[in-house]
Amino acid sequence: MDLEENAQHFESNTALCRVITKDSSYIVRCCVKGSLLEVNERLVKQPGLLNSSADREGYIAIFMPKLVDWRKVEASFVGVEEYKRLRGIS
Protein backbone atom coordinates (compact mmCIF):
# COMPACT_ATOMS: atom_id res chain seq x y z
CA MET A 1 0.00 0.00 0.00
CA ASP A 2 1.30 3.47 -0.90
CA LEU A 3 1.14 5.68 2.21
CA GLU A 4 1.16 8.89 0.19
CA GLU A 5 -1.79 7.72 -1.90
CA ASN A 6 -4.04 7.65 1.19
CA ALA A 7 -2.49 10.68 2.86
CA GLN A 8 -4.05 14.09 3.27
CA HIS A 9 -2.20 16.72 1.21
CA PHE A 10 -1.23 20.06 2.74
CA GLU A 11 0.09 23.32 1.35
CA SER A 12 2.97 25.13 3.05
CA ASN A 13 0.67 27.64 4.76
CA THR A 14 -1.94 25.09 5.93
CA ALA A 15 -2.75 25.35 9.64
CA LEU A 16 -1.96 22.07 11.40
CA CYS A 17 -3.12 22.90 14.88
CA ARG A 18 -3.41 25.57 17.52
CA VAL A 19 -1.10 25.38 20.53
CA ILE A 20 -2.62 27.05 23.58
CA THR A 21 -0.46 28.23 26.46
CA LYS A 22 -1.47 29.92 29.70
CA ASP A 23 -0.70 33.34 28.16
CA SER A 24 -1.44 32.98 24.47
CA SER A 25 -2.16 30.68 21.54
CA TYR A 26 -0.26 29.95 18.37
CA ILE A 27 -1.21 28.49 15.03
CA VAL A 28 1.32 25.92 13.82
CA ARG A 29 1.56 25.79 10.04
CA CYS A 30 2.82 22.99 7.84
CA CYS A 31 5.72 25.06 6.38
CA VAL A 32 6.23 22.66 3.47
CA LYS A 33 3.90 21.32 0.82
CA GLY A 34 3.47 17.59 1.30
CA SER A 35 1.48 14.58 2.38
CA LEU A 36 0.50 14.12 6.02
CA LEU A 37 1.61 10.65 7.09
CA GLU A 38 1.11 10.74 10.85
CA VAL A 39 -0.27 12.93 13.63
CA ASN A 40 1.23 12.54 17.10
CA GLU A 41 -1.78 11.48 19.17
CA ARG A 42 0.38 11.37 22.33
CA LEU A 43 0.21 15.16 22.50
CA VAL A 44 -3.48 15.01 23.44
CA LYS A 45 -2.66 13.28 26.74
CA GLN A 46 0.89 14.61 27.12
CA PRO A 47 1.01 18.18 25.74
CA GLY A 48 4.14 18.89 27.78
CA LEU A 49 6.09 16.85 25.23
CA LEU A 50 6.03 19.94 23.01
CA ASN A 51 8.33 21.61 25.54
CA SER A 52 10.31 18.72 26.95
CA SER A 53 10.89 16.67 23.81
CA ALA A 54 9.88 18.64 20.71
CA ASP A 55 12.64 17.07 18.62
CA ARG A 56 11.68 13.51 19.60
CA GLU A 57 8.44 12.32 21.23
CA GLY A 58 6.89 15.81 21.10
CA TYR A 59 6.67 16.12 17.33
CA ILE A 60 3.32 17.35 15.98
CA ALA A 61 3.15 15.48 12.69
CA ILE A 62 5.17 13.68 10.04
CA PHE A 63 5.02 14.92 6.45
CA MET A 64 6.47 13.62 3.23
CA PRO A 65 7.17 16.43 0.77
CA LYS A 66 7.97 15.82 -2.87
CA LEU A 67 11.70 16.12 -3.46
CA VAL A 68 11.35 19.23 -5.61
CA ASP A 69 9.27 20.98 -2.91
CA TRP A 70 11.70 19.91 -0.17
CA ARG A 71 14.67 21.37 -2.04
CA LYS A 72 12.85 24.72 -2.33
CA VAL A 73 12.54 25.13 1.45
CA GLU A 74 15.35 23.02 2.90
CA ALA A 75 17.88 25.86 3.10
CA SER A 76 15.45 28.07 5.04
CA PHE A 77 15.15 25.67 8.01
CA VAL A 78 17.30 26.13 11.10
CA GLY A 79 18.70 23.45 13.37
CA VAL A 80 17.86 22.98 17.04
CA GLU A 81 20.83 24.98 18.33
CA GLU A 82 20.22 27.89 15.95
CA TYR A 83 16.52 27.89 16.88
CA LYS A 84 17.38 28.03 20.59
CA ARG A 85 19.83 30.87 19.96
CA LEU A 86 17.26 32.86 17.98
CA ARG A 87 14.60 32.30 20.66
CA GLY A 88 16.96 33.03 23.57
CA ILE A 89 16.53 29.52 24.96
CA SER A 90 19.41 27.79 26.71
PDB file of N, CA and C in Angstrom:
ATOM      1  N   MET A   1       0.838  -1.180   0.000  1.00  0.00           N
ATOM      2  CA  MET A   1       0.000   0.000   0.000  1.00  0.00           C
ATOM      3  C   MET A   1       0.885   1.245   0.000  1.00  0.00           C
ATOM      4  N   ASP A   2       0.570   2.212  -0.807  1.00  0.00           N
ATOM      5  CA  ASP A   2       1.301   3.466  -0.902  1.00  0.00           C
ATOM      6  C   ASP A   2       0.754   4.431   0.144  1.00  0.00           C
ATOM      7  N   LEU A   3       1.585   4.783   1.145  1.00  0.00           N
ATOM      8  CA  LEU A   3       1.140   5.683   2.208  1.00  0.00           C
ATOM      9  C   LEU A   3       0.704   7.032   1.667  1.00  0.00           C
ATOM     10  N   GLU A   4       1.469   7.562   0.717  1.00  0.00           N
ATOM     11  CA  GLU A   4       1.162   8.888   0.187  1.00  0.00           C
ATOM     12  C   GLU A   4      -0.172   8.900  -0.548  1.00  0.00           C
ATOM     13  N   GLU A   5      -0.533   7.797  -1.159  1.00  0.00           N
ATOM     14  CA  GLU A   5      -1.791   7.717  -1.904  1.00  0.00           C
ATOM     15  C   GLU A   5      -2.996   7.976  -0.999  1.00  0.00           C
ATOM     16  N   ASN A   6      -2.943   7.490   0.241  1.00  0.00           N
ATOM     17  CA  ASN A   6      -4.041   7.645   1.188  1.00  0.00           C
ATOM     18  C   ASN A   6      -3.875   8.853   2.103  1.00  0.00           C
ATOM     19  N   ALA A   7      -2.788   9.571   1.963  1.00  0.00           N
ATOM     20  CA  ALA A   7      -2.487  10.683   2.856  1.00  0.00           C
ATOM     21  C   ALA A   7      -3.273  11.936   2.483  1.00  0.00           C
ATOM     22  N   GLN A   8      -3.446  12.782   3.485  1.00  0.00           N
ATOM     23  CA  GLN A   8      -4.050  14.089   3.269  1.00  0.00           C
ATOM     24  C   GLN A   8      -2.936  15.024   2.791  1.00  0.00           C
ATOM     25  N   HIS A   9      -3.217  15.841   1.784  1.00  0.00           N
ATOM     26  CA  HIS A   9      -2.199  16.716   1.211  1.00  0.00           C
ATOM     27  C   HIS A   9      -2.363  18.135   1.748  1.00  0.00           C
ATOM     28  N   PHE A  10      -1.239  18.737   2.145  1.00  0.00           N
ATOM     29  CA  PHE A  10      -1.231  20.061   2.745  1.00  0.00           C
ATOM     30  C   PHE A  10      -0.368  21.004   1.921  1.00  0.00           C
ATOM     31  N   GLU A  11      -0.729  22.268   1.939  1.00  0.00           N
ATOM     32  CA  GLU A  11       0.090  23.322   1.349  1.00  0.00           C
ATOM     33  C   GLU A  11       1.003  23.866   2.447  1.00  0.00           C
ATOM     34  N   SER A  12       1.995  24.650   2.071  1.00  0.00           N
ATOM     35  CA  SER A  12       2.966  25.134   3.051  1.00  0.00           C
ATOM     36  C   SER A  12       2.363  26.055   4.105  1.00  0.00           C
ATOM     37  N   ASN A  13       1.273  26.718   3.790  1.00  0.00           N
ATOM     38  CA  ASN A  13       0.667  27.636   4.763  1.00  0.00           C
ATOM     39  C   ASN A  13      -0.546  27.032   5.479  1.00  0.00           C
ATOM     40  N   THR A  14      -0.806  25.747   5.297  1.00  0.00           N
ATOM     41  CA  THR A  14      -1.944  25.092   5.933  1.00  0.00           C
ATOM     42  C   THR A  14      -1.756  25.056   7.445  1.00  0.00           C
ATOM     43  N   ALA A  15      -2.790  25.428   8.184  1.00  0.00           N
ATOM     44  CA  ALA A  15      -2.751  25.354   9.644  1.00  0.00           C
ATOM     45  C   ALA A  15      -2.882  23.896  10.079  1.00  0.00           C
ATOM     46  N   LEU A  16      -1.935  23.439  10.887  1.00  0.00           N
ATOM     47  CA  LEU A  16      -1.965  22.067  11.401  1.00  0.00           C
ATOM     48  C   LEU A  16      -2.757  21.980  12.692  1.00  0.00           C
ATOM     49  N   CYS A  17      -2.469  22.924  13.580  1.00  0.00           N
ATOM     50  CA  CYS A  17      -3.121  22.897  14.883  1.00  0.00           C
ATOM     51  C   CYS A  17      -2.935  24.249  15.557  1.00  0.00           C
ATOM     52  N   ARG A  18      -3.592  24.387  16.684  1.00  0.00           N
ATOM     53  CA  ARG A  18      -3.412  25.571  17.522  1.00  0.00           C
ATOM     54  C   ARG A  18      -2.826  25.088  18.842  1.00  0.00           C
ATOM     55  N   VAL A  19      -1.719  25.680  19.247  1.00  0.00           N
ATOM     56  CA  VAL A  19      -1.096  25.378  20.530  1.00  0.00           C
ATOM     57  C   VAL A  19      -1.514  26.480  21.491  1.00  0.00           C
ATOM     58  N   ILE A  20      -2.119  26.084  22.596  1.00  0.00           N
ATOM     59  CA  ILE A  20      -2.620  27.046  23.577  1.00  0.00           C
ATOM     60  C   ILE A  20      -1.750  26.972  24.823  1.00  0.00           C
ATOM     61  N   THR A  21      -1.240  28.134  25.235  1.00  0.00           N
ATOM     62  CA  THR A  21      -0.459  28.232  26.464  1.00  0.00           C
ATOM     63  C   THR A  21      -1.271  29.009  27.485  1.00  0.00           C
ATOM     64  N   LYS A  22      -0.724  29.173  28.685  1.00  0.00           N
ATOM     65  CA  LYS A  22      -1.472  29.920  29.699  1.00  0.00           C
ATOM     66  C   LYS A  22      -1.605  31.395  29.336  1.00  0.00           C
ATOM     67  N   ASP A  23      -0.698  31.920  28.507  1.00  0.00           N
ATOM     68  CA  ASP A  23      -0.705  33.337  28.158  1.00  0.00           C
ATOM     69  C   ASP A  23      -1.185  33.656  26.753  1.00  0.00           C
ATOM     70  N   SER A  24      -1.156  32.677  25.865  1.00  0.00           N
ATOM     71  CA  SER A  24      -1.438  32.975  24.467  1.00  0.00           C
ATOM     72  C   SER A  24      -1.809  31.699  23.711  1.00  0.00           C
ATOM     73  N   SER A  25      -1.971  31.846  22.397  1.00  0.00           N
ATOM     74  CA  SER A  25      -2.164  30.676  21.542  1.00  0.00           C
ATOM     75  C   SER A  25      -1.444  30.938  20.223  1.00  0.00           C
ATOM     76  N   TYR A  26      -1.046  29.866  19.584  1.00  0.00           N
ATOM     77  CA  TYR A  26      -0.255  29.954  18.368  1.00  0.00           C
ATOM     78  C   TYR A  26      -0.782  28.967  17.340  1.00  0.00           C
ATOM     79  N   ILE A  27      -0.849  29.399  16.109  1.00  0.00           N
ATOM     80  CA  ILE A  27      -1.209  28.491  15.026  1.00  0.00           C
ATOM     81  C   ILE A  27       0.085  27.920  14.462  1.00  0.00           C
ATOM     82  N   VAL A  28       0.158  26.607  14.395  1.00  0.00           N
ATOM     83  CA  VAL A  28       1.316  25.922  13.824  1.00  0.00           C
ATOM     84  C   VAL A  28       0.971  25.576  12.385  1.00  0.00           C
ATOM     85  N   ARG A  29       1.798  26.026  11.463  1.00  0.00           N
ATOM     86  CA  ARG A  29       1.560  25.786  10.038  1.00  0.00           C
ATOM     87  C   ARG A  29       2.482  24.689   9.518  1.00  0.00           C
ATOM     88  N   CYS A  30       2.095  24.113   8.427  1.00  0.00           N
ATOM     89  CA  CYS A  30       2.820  22.989   7.840  1.00  0.00           C
ATOM     90  C   CYS A  30       4.247  23.375   7.430  1.00  0.00           C
ATOM     91  N   CYS A  31       4.428  24.514   6.827  1.00  0.00           N
ATOM     92  CA  CYS A  31       5.720  25.059   6.375  1.00  0.00           C
ATOM     93  C   CYS A  31       6.288  24.418   5.116  1.00  0.00           C
ATOM     94  N   VAL A  32       5.771  23.288   4.707  1.00  0.00           N
ATOM     95  CA  VAL A  32       6.235  22.662   3.471  1.00  0.00           C
ATOM     96  C   VAL A  32       5.054  21.929   2.834  1.00  0.00           C
ATOM     97  N   LYS A  33       4.958  22.022   1.545  1.00  0.00           N
ATOM     98  CA  LYS A  33       3.902  21.317   0.819  1.00  0.00           C
ATOM     99  C   LYS A  33       4.206  19.823   0.861  1.00  0.00           C
ATOM    100  N   GLY A  34       3.220  19.029   1.240  1.00  0.00           N
ATOM    101  CA  GLY A  34       3.474  17.594   1.300  1.00  0.00           C
ATOM    102  C   GLY A  34       2.282  16.800   1.778  1.00  0.00           C
ATOM    103  N   SER A  35       2.516  15.521   1.963  1.00  0.00           N
ATOM    104  CA  SER A  35       1.480  14.583   2.384  1.00  0.00           C
ATOM    105  C   SER A  35       1.616  14.297   3.873  1.00  0.00           C
ATOM    106  N   LEU A  36       0.519  14.414   4.592  1.00  0.00           N
ATOM    107  CA  LEU A  36       0.499  14.117   6.021  1.00  0.00           C
ATOM    108  C   LEU A  36       0.489  12.603   6.201  1.00  0.00           C
ATOM    109  N   LEU A  37       1.514  12.086   6.873  1.00  0.00           N
ATOM    110  CA  LEU A  37       1.614  10.646   7.088  1.00  0.00           C
ATOM    111  C   LEU A  37       1.168  10.235   8.482  1.00  0.00           C
ATOM    112  N   GLU A  38       1.414  11.110   9.465  1.00  0.00           N
ATOM    113  CA  GLU A  38       1.109  10.740  10.846  1.00  0.00           C
ATOM    114  C   GLU A  38       0.898  11.978  11.698  1.00  0.00           C
ATOM    115  N   VAL A  39      -0.043  11.904  12.619  1.00  0.00           N
ATOM    116  CA  VAL A  39      -0.270  12.934  13.631  1.00  0.00           C
ATOM    117  C   VAL A  39       0.095  12.316  14.973  1.00  0.00           C
ATOM    118  N   ASN A  40       0.802  13.050  15.800  1.00  0.00           N
ATOM    119  CA  ASN A  40       1.231  12.536  17.099  1.00  0.00           C
ATOM    120  C   ASN A  40       0.082  12.618  18.099  1.00  0.00           C
ATOM    121  N   GLU A  41      -0.634  11.536  18.260  1.00  0.00           N
ATOM    122  CA  GLU A  41      -1.781  11.481  19.171  1.00  0.00           C
ATOM    123  C   GLU A  41      -1.363  11.565  20.636  1.00  0.00           C
ATOM    124  N   ARG A  42      -0.090  11.288  20.939  1.00  0.00           N
ATOM    125  CA  ARG A  42       0.381  11.369  22.328  1.00  0.00           C
ATOM    126  C   ARG A  42       0.248  12.776  22.891  1.00  0.00           C
ATOM    127  N   LEU A  43       0.280  13.785  22.022  1.00  0.00           N
ATOM    128  CA  LEU A  43       0.213  15.163  22.503  1.00  0.00           C
ATOM    129  C   LEU A  43      -1.124  15.495  23.157  1.00  0.00           C
ATOM    130  N   VAL A  44      -2.166  14.768  22.824  1.00  0.00           N
ATOM    131  CA  VAL A  44      -3.476  15.013  23.439  1.00  0.00           C
ATOM    132  C   VAL A  44      -3.400  14.749  24.939  1.00  0.00           C
ATOM    133  N   LYS A  45      -2.767  13.646  25.323  1.00  0.00           N
ATOM    134  CA  LYS A  45      -2.658  13.285  26.737  1.00  0.00           C
ATOM    135  C   LYS A  45      -1.401  13.833  27.396  1.00  0.00           C
ATOM    136  N   GLN A  46      -0.382  14.129  26.590  1.00  0.00           N
ATOM    137  CA  GLN A  46       0.891  14.608  27.116  1.00  0.00           C
ATOM    138  C   GLN A  46       1.354  15.861  26.371  1.00  0.00           C
ATOM    139  N   PRO A  47       0.633  16.977  26.486  1.00  0.00           N
ATOM    140  CA  PRO A  47       1.012  18.183  25.740  1.00  0.00           C
ATOM    141  C   PRO A  47       2.370  18.746  26.145  1.00  0.00           C
ATOM    142  N   GLY A  48       2.834  18.420  27.329  1.00  0.00           N
ATOM    143  CA  GLY A  48       4.141  18.890  27.781  1.00  0.00           C
ATOM    144  C   GLY A  48       5.292  18.390  26.929  1.00  0.00           C
ATOM    145  N   LEU A  49       5.049  17.354  26.132  1.00  0.00           N
ATOM    146  CA  LEU A  49       6.092  16.852  25.233  1.00  0.00           C
ATOM    147  C   LEU A  49       6.530  17.911  24.226  1.00  0.00           C
ATOM    148  N   LEU A  50       5.649  18.850  23.917  1.00  0.00           N
ATOM    149  CA  LEU A  50       6.032  19.943  23.005  1.00  0.00           C
ATOM    150  C   LEU A  50       7.199  20.735  23.572  1.00  0.00           C
ATOM    151  N   ASN A  51       7.245  20.875  24.893  1.00  0.00           N
ATOM    152  CA  ASN A  51       8.331  21.609  25.543  1.00  0.00           C
ATOM    153  C   ASN A  51       9.510  20.720  25.890  1.00  0.00           C
ATOM    154  N   SER A  52       9.233  19.556  26.424  1.00  0.00           N
ATOM    155  CA  SER A  52      10.308  18.715  26.945  1.00  0.00           C
ATOM    156  C   SER A  52      11.005  17.873  25.885  1.00  0.00           C
ATOM    157  N   SER A  53      10.322  17.604  24.786  1.00  0.00           N
ATOM    158  CA  SER A  53      10.886  16.667  23.805  1.00  0.00           C
ATOM    159  C   SER A  53      10.403  16.963  22.388  1.00  0.00           C
ATOM    160  N   ALA A  54      10.421  18.233  22.018  1.00  0.00           N
ATOM    161  CA  ALA A  54       9.881  18.635  20.709  1.00  0.00           C
ATOM    162  C   ALA A  54      10.610  17.985  19.536  1.00  0.00           C
ATOM    163  N   ASP A  55      11.869  17.664  19.713  1.00  0.00           N
ATOM    164  CA  ASP A  55      12.638  17.066  18.618  1.00  0.00           C
ATOM    165  C   ASP A  55      12.593  15.535  18.620  1.00  0.00           C
ATOM    166  N   ARG A  56      11.816  14.970  19.542  1.00  0.00           N
ATOM    167  CA  ARG A  56      11.681  13.510  19.600  1.00  0.00           C
ATOM    168  C   ARG A  56      10.206  13.150  19.778  1.00  0.00           C
ATOM    169  N   GLU A  57       9.805  12.773  20.987  1.00  0.00           N
ATOM    170  CA  GLU A  57       8.435  12.322  21.233  1.00  0.00           C
ATOM    171  C   GLU A  57       7.396  13.435  21.111  1.00  0.00           C
ATOM    172  N   GLY A  58       7.824  14.693  21.132  1.00  0.00           N
ATOM    173  CA  GLY A  58       6.894  15.811  21.103  1.00  0.00           C
ATOM    174  C   GLY A  58       6.620  16.388  19.722  1.00  0.00           C
ATOM    175  N   TYR A  59       6.942  15.637  18.684  1.00  0.00           N
ATOM    176  CA  TYR A  59       6.673  16.119  17.327  1.00  0.00           C
ATOM    177  C   TYR A  59       5.162  16.256  17.121  1.00  0.00           C
ATOM    178  N   ILE A  60       4.750  17.146  16.243  1.00  0.00           N
ATOM    179  CA  ILE A  60       3.322  17.348  15.975  1.00  0.00           C
ATOM    180  C   ILE A  60       2.844  16.403  14.886  1.00  0.00           C
ATOM    181  N   ALA A  61       3.589  16.319  13.807  1.00  0.00           N
ATOM    182  CA  ALA A  61       3.153  15.483  12.687  1.00  0.00           C
ATOM    183  C   ALA A  61       4.356  15.099  11.836  1.00  0.00           C
ATOM    184  N   ILE A  62       4.152  14.100  10.996  1.00  0.00           N
ATOM    185  CA  ILE A  62       5.169  13.680  10.036  1.00  0.00           C
ATOM    186  C   ILE A  62       4.610  13.899   8.636  1.00  0.00           C
ATOM    187  N   PHE A  63       5.389  14.617   7.828  1.00  0.00           N
ATOM    188  CA  PHE A  63       5.015  14.916   6.447  1.00  0.00           C
ATOM    189  C   PHE A  63       6.020  14.318   5.489  1.00  0.00           C
ATOM    190  N   MET A  64       5.571  14.053   4.290  1.00  0.00           N
ATOM    191  CA  MET A  64       6.469  13.621   3.226  1.00  0.00           C
ATOM    192  C   MET A  64       6.296  14.580   2.054  1.00  0.00           C
ATOM    193  N   PRO A  65       7.241  15.521   1.910  1.00  0.00           N
ATOM    194  CA  PRO A  65       7.168  16.428   0.767  1.00  0.00           C
ATOM    195  C   PRO A  65       7.712  15.748  -0.482  1.00  0.00           C
ATOM    196  N   LYS A  66       7.336  16.266  -1.624  1.00  0.00           N
ATOM    197  CA  LYS A  66       7.966  15.819  -2.865  1.00  0.00           C
ATOM    198  C   LYS A  66       9.373  16.400  -2.872  1.00  0.00           C
ATOM    199  N   LEU A  67      10.299  15.703  -3.474  1.00  0.00           N
ATOM    200  CA  LEU A  67      11.699  16.117  -3.459  1.00  0.00           C
ATOM    201  C   LEU A  67      11.882  17.539  -3.979  1.00  0.00           C
ATOM    202  N   VAL A  68      11.208  17.889  -5.038  1.00  0.00           N
ATOM    203  CA  VAL A  68      11.349  19.232  -5.611  1.00  0.00           C
ATOM    204  C   VAL A  68      10.859  20.298  -4.628  1.00  0.00           C
ATOM    205  N   ASP A  69       9.782  20.022  -3.897  1.00  0.00           N
ATOM    206  CA  ASP A  69       9.273  20.977  -2.909  1.00  0.00           C
ATOM    207  C   ASP A  69      10.210  21.067  -1.710  1.00  0.00           C
ATOM    208  N   TRP A  70      10.761  19.930  -1.297  1.00  0.00           N
ATOM    209  CA  TRP A  70      11.697  19.915  -0.173  1.00  0.00           C
ATOM    210  C   TRP A  70      12.927  20.762  -0.487  1.00  0.00           C
ATOM    211  N   ARG A  71      13.463  20.624  -1.669  1.00  0.00           N
ATOM    212  CA  ARG A  71      14.670  21.373  -2.036  1.00  0.00           C
ATOM    213  C   ARG A  71      14.422  22.875  -2.048  1.00  0.00           C
ATOM    214  N   LYS A  72      13.189  23.288  -2.315  1.00  0.00           N
ATOM    215  CA  LYS A  72      12.853  24.715  -2.330  1.00  0.00           C
ATOM    216  C   LYS A  72      12.936  25.325  -0.935  1.00  0.00           C
ATOM    217  N   VAL A  73      12.616  24.573   0.100  1.00  0.00           N
ATOM    218  CA  VAL A  73      12.541  25.132   1.451  1.00  0.00           C
ATOM    219  C   VAL A  73      13.648  24.662   2.386  1.00  0.00           C
ATOM    220  N   GLU A  74      14.356  23.635   2.018  1.00  0.00           N
ATOM    221  CA  GLU A  74      15.347  23.019   2.903  1.00  0.00           C
ATOM    222  C   GLU A  74      16.346  24.024   3.478  1.00  0.00           C
ATOM    223  N   ALA A  75      16.860  24.907   2.657  1.00  0.00           N
ATOM    224  CA  ALA A  75      17.875  25.862   3.103  1.00  0.00           C
ATOM    225  C   ALA A  75      17.333  26.890   4.093  1.00  0.00           C
ATOM    226  N   SER A  76      16.018  27.068   4.143  1.00  0.00           N
ATOM    227  CA  SER A  76      15.445  28.070   5.044  1.00  0.00           C
ATOM    228  C   SER A  76      15.225  27.545   6.463  1.00  0.00           C
ATOM    229  N   PHE A  77      15.346  26.234   6.672  1.00  0.00           N
ATOM    230  CA  PHE A  77      15.152  25.669   8.006  1.00  0.00           C
ATOM    231  C   PHE A  77      16.388  25.900   8.862  1.00  0.00           C
ATOM    232  N   VAL A  78      16.187  25.996  10.169  1.00  0.00           N
ATOM    233  CA  VAL A  78      17.300  26.135  11.103  1.00  0.00           C
ATOM    234  C   VAL A  78      17.341  24.898  11.993  1.00  0.00           C
ATOM    235  N   GLY A  79      18.527  24.586  12.468  1.00  0.00           N
ATOM    236  CA  GLY A  79      18.701  23.452  13.370  1.00  0.00           C
ATOM    237  C   GLY A  79      18.267  23.797  14.781  1.00  0.00           C
ATOM    238  N   VAL A  80      18.303  22.809  15.654  1.00  0.00           N
ATOM    239  CA  VAL A  80      17.859  22.984  17.036  1.00  0.00           C
ATOM    240  C   VAL A  80      18.667  24.060  17.743  1.00  0.00           C
ATOM    241  N   GLU A  81      19.980  24.010  17.633  1.00  0.00           N
ATOM    242  CA  GLU A  81      20.827  24.984  18.334  1.00  0.00           C
ATOM    243  C   GLU A  81      20.602  26.403  17.817  1.00  0.00           C
ATOM    244  N   GLU A  82      20.477  26.562  16.520  1.00  0.00           N
ATOM    245  CA  GLU A  82      20.215  27.891  15.953  1.00  0.00           C
ATOM    246  C   GLU A  82      18.844  28.394  16.386  1.00  0.00           C
ATOM    247  N   TYR A  83      17.866  27.523  16.421  1.00  0.00           N
ATOM    248  CA  TYR A  83      16.523  27.892  16.882  1.00  0.00           C
ATOM    249  C   TYR A  83      16.578  28.379  18.330  1.00  0.00           C
ATOM    250  N   LYS A  84      17.264  27.635  19.181  1.00  0.00           N
ATOM    251  CA  LYS A  84      17.382  28.033  20.589  1.00  0.00           C
ATOM    252  C   LYS A  84      18.072  29.383  20.711  1.00  0.00           C
ATOM    253  N   ARG A  85      19.121  29.587  19.919  1.00  0.00           N
ATOM    254  CA  ARG A  85      19.832  30.868  19.955  1.00  0.00           C
ATOM    255  C   ARG A  85      18.912  32.007  19.545  1.00  0.00           C
ATOM    256  N   LEU A  86      18.168  31.817  18.465  1.00  0.00           N
ATOM    257  CA  LEU A  86      17.259  32.855  17.981  1.00  0.00           C
ATOM    258  C   LEU A  86      16.142  33.156  18.975  1.00  0.00           C
ATOM    259  N   ARG A  87      15.685  32.140  19.692  1.00  0.00           N
ATOM    260  CA  ARG A  87      14.597  32.301  20.664  1.00  0.00           C
ATOM    261  C   ARG A  87      15.092  32.680  22.058  1.00  0.00           C
ATOM    262  N   GLY A  88      16.413  32.708  22.251  1.00  0.00           N
ATOM    263  CA  GLY A  88      16.962  33.025  23.566  1.00  0.00           C
ATOM    264  C   GLY A  88      16.737  31.918  24.577  1.00  0.00           C
ATOM    265  N   ILE A  89      16.751  30.683  24.101  1.00  0.00           N
ATOM    266  CA  ILE A  89      16.526  29.520  24.962  1.00  0.00           C
ATOM    267  C   ILE A  89      17.870  28.843  25.198  1.00  0.00           C
ATOM    268  N   SER A  90      18.127  28.476  26.437  1.00  0.00           N
ATOM    269  CA  SER A  90      19.408  27.788  26.705  1.00  0.00           C
ATOM    270  C   SER A  90      19.234  26.303  26.827  1.00  0.00           C
TER     271      SER A  90
END
